[in-house]
Amino acid sequence: MRLALVAILGLALGGCVSAGNAPEWFAARSAEADAGYPSLRSVPTGTSANTDAAHWAAIEADLLAARTALRNSPRSQPASATESPAEFLDQAREDLEETRQSHDPN
C-alpha cells in the first residue's frame, strides 16, 4: 500500500517537475549540472545568493562561538557521579520551595 502510494506520488511529482515547465535559467543550469553541482556564481542576477567569503566567515565564526558557549555551559556537562538521584530531587524541592516563598505576598 505504502509502496503504491509512493510510486503514484513520485509519478505525479515527476509530471509536475518536468524540463518543459522549468524557467530558462533552470534549463541552462541543468546543462551545467550534468558534470556535477553548478556554482553559486552561475545563479542569475536578481536571485538571493550570497557568495561573499567574508559573509560566510562571519557566519562560521558565529556558529563556532555558539558551539563553544554551549559546550562550556554547566547545563551541558554530565551530572556528577557523586550526586545520587535522591540528592538531586531533594535539592530541586528545596529550590522550588525557596521560589514559592520568594513569591508569597505574606
Protein backbone atom coordinates (compact mmCIF):
# COMPACT_ATOMS: atom_id res chain seq x y z
CA MET A 1 0.00 0.00 0.00
CA ARG A 2 2.72 2.44 1.00
CA LEU A 3 4.84 1.47 -1.98
CA ALA A 4 1.95 2.13 -4.35
CA LEU A 5 1.30 5.49 -2.72
CA VAL A 6 4.95 6.47 -3.00
CA ALA A 7 5.04 5.35 -6.64
CA ILE A 8 1.93 7.39 -7.50
CA LEU A 9 3.29 10.41 -5.67
CA GLY A 10 6.61 10.05 -7.47
CA LEU A 11 4.89 9.92 -10.86
CA ALA A 12 2.76 12.93 -10.01
CA LEU A 13 5.76 14.95 -8.91
CA GLY A 14 7.72 13.80 -11.92
CA GLY A 15 4.99 15.15 -14.16
CA CYS A 16 4.90 18.48 -12.35
CA VAL A 17 8.64 18.92 -12.34
CA SER A 18 9.45 18.49 -15.98
CA ALA A 19 12.06 20.34 -18.01
CA GLY A 20 9.31 21.81 -20.23
CA ASN A 21 7.84 23.79 -17.32
CA ALA A 22 11.18 24.94 -15.91
CA PRO A 23 12.38 28.55 -16.27
CA GLU A 24 15.13 29.29 -18.79
CA TRP A 25 17.80 29.78 -16.13
CA PHE A 26 17.00 26.34 -14.68
CA ALA A 27 17.30 24.68 -18.05
CA ALA A 28 20.70 26.33 -18.54
CA ARG A 29 21.73 25.28 -15.05
CA SER A 30 20.62 21.71 -15.74
CA ALA A 31 23.01 21.56 -18.69
CA GLU A 32 25.85 22.65 -16.36
CA ALA A 33 24.76 20.21 -13.65
CA ASP A 34 25.43 17.18 -15.83
CA ALA A 35 29.07 17.33 -14.69
CA GLY A 36 28.13 17.99 -11.04
CA TYR A 37 26.53 20.71 -8.96
CA PRO A 38 26.59 24.17 -10.51
CA SER A 39 28.48 27.02 -8.93
CA LEU A 40 26.56 29.61 -6.94
CA ARG A 41 28.28 32.21 -9.09
CA SER A 42 26.24 31.00 -12.09
CA VAL A 43 22.92 31.86 -10.42
CA PRO A 44 21.29 34.68 -12.39
CA THR A 45 21.13 38.22 -11.04
CA GLY A 46 18.04 39.04 -9.08
CA THR A 47 18.09 35.86 -7.04
CA SER A 48 19.20 35.89 -3.43
CA ALA A 49 22.57 34.13 -3.35
CA ASN A 50 25.39 35.44 -1.19
CA THR A 51 28.81 34.29 -2.36
CA ASP A 52 30.82 36.78 -0.31
CA ALA A 53 33.52 34.82 1.56
CA ALA A 54 33.63 37.36 4.39
CA HIS A 55 29.89 36.89 4.99
CA TRP A 56 30.27 33.13 5.34
CA ALA A 57 33.38 33.52 7.50
CA ALA A 58 31.33 35.69 9.88
CA ILE A 59 28.53 33.11 9.91
CA GLU A 60 31.05 30.36 10.65
CA ALA A 61 32.59 32.42 13.46
CA ASP A 62 29.12 32.93 14.99
CA LEU A 63 28.40 29.20 14.82
CA LEU A 64 31.75 28.29 16.36
CA ALA A 65 31.21 30.81 19.18
CA ALA A 66 27.75 29.38 19.84
CA ARG A 67 29.17 25.85 19.87
CA THR A 68 31.86 26.87 22.36
CA ALA A 69 29.32 28.61 24.58
CA LEU A 70 27.09 25.54 24.51
CA ARG A 71 29.95 23.19 25.34
CA ASN A 72 31.09 25.42 28.21
CA SER A 73 27.61 25.75 29.67
CA PRO A 74 27.22 24.00 33.03
CA ARG A 75 23.92 22.54 31.80
CA SER A 76 25.71 20.62 29.04
CA GLN A 77 28.07 18.93 31.48
CA PRO A 78 27.19 15.41 32.61
CA ALA A 79 25.75 15.01 36.09
CA SER A 80 28.35 14.31 38.72
CA ALA A 81 28.74 10.68 39.69
CA THR A 82 28.81 11.58 43.39
CA GLU A 83 25.29 13.03 43.41
CA SER A 84 22.53 10.47 43.75
CA PRO A 85 19.10 10.97 42.17
CA ALA A 86 17.60 11.37 45.63
CA GLU A 87 20.02 14.21 46.44
CA PHE A 88 19.14 15.88 43.15
CA LEU A 89 15.41 15.64 43.88
CA ASP A 90 15.87 16.99 47.41
CA GLN A 91 17.83 19.96 46.08
CA ALA A 92 15.18 20.58 43.40
CA ARG A 93 12.43 20.53 46.03
CA GLU A 94 14.37 22.99 48.18
CA ASP A 95 14.84 25.31 45.19
CA LEU A 96 11.13 25.13 44.38
CA GLU A 97 10.18 25.90 47.96
CA GLU A 98 12.56 28.89 48.05
CA THR A 99 10.99 30.18 44.84
CA ARG A 100 7.47 29.75 46.23
CA GLN A 101 8.40 31.63 49.40
CA SER A 102 10.03 34.45 47.47
CA HIS A 103 6.77 35.00 45.56
CA ASP A 104 4.49 34.71 48.58
CA PRO A 105 2.94 38.15 49.30
CA ASN A 106 2.71 37.47 53.10
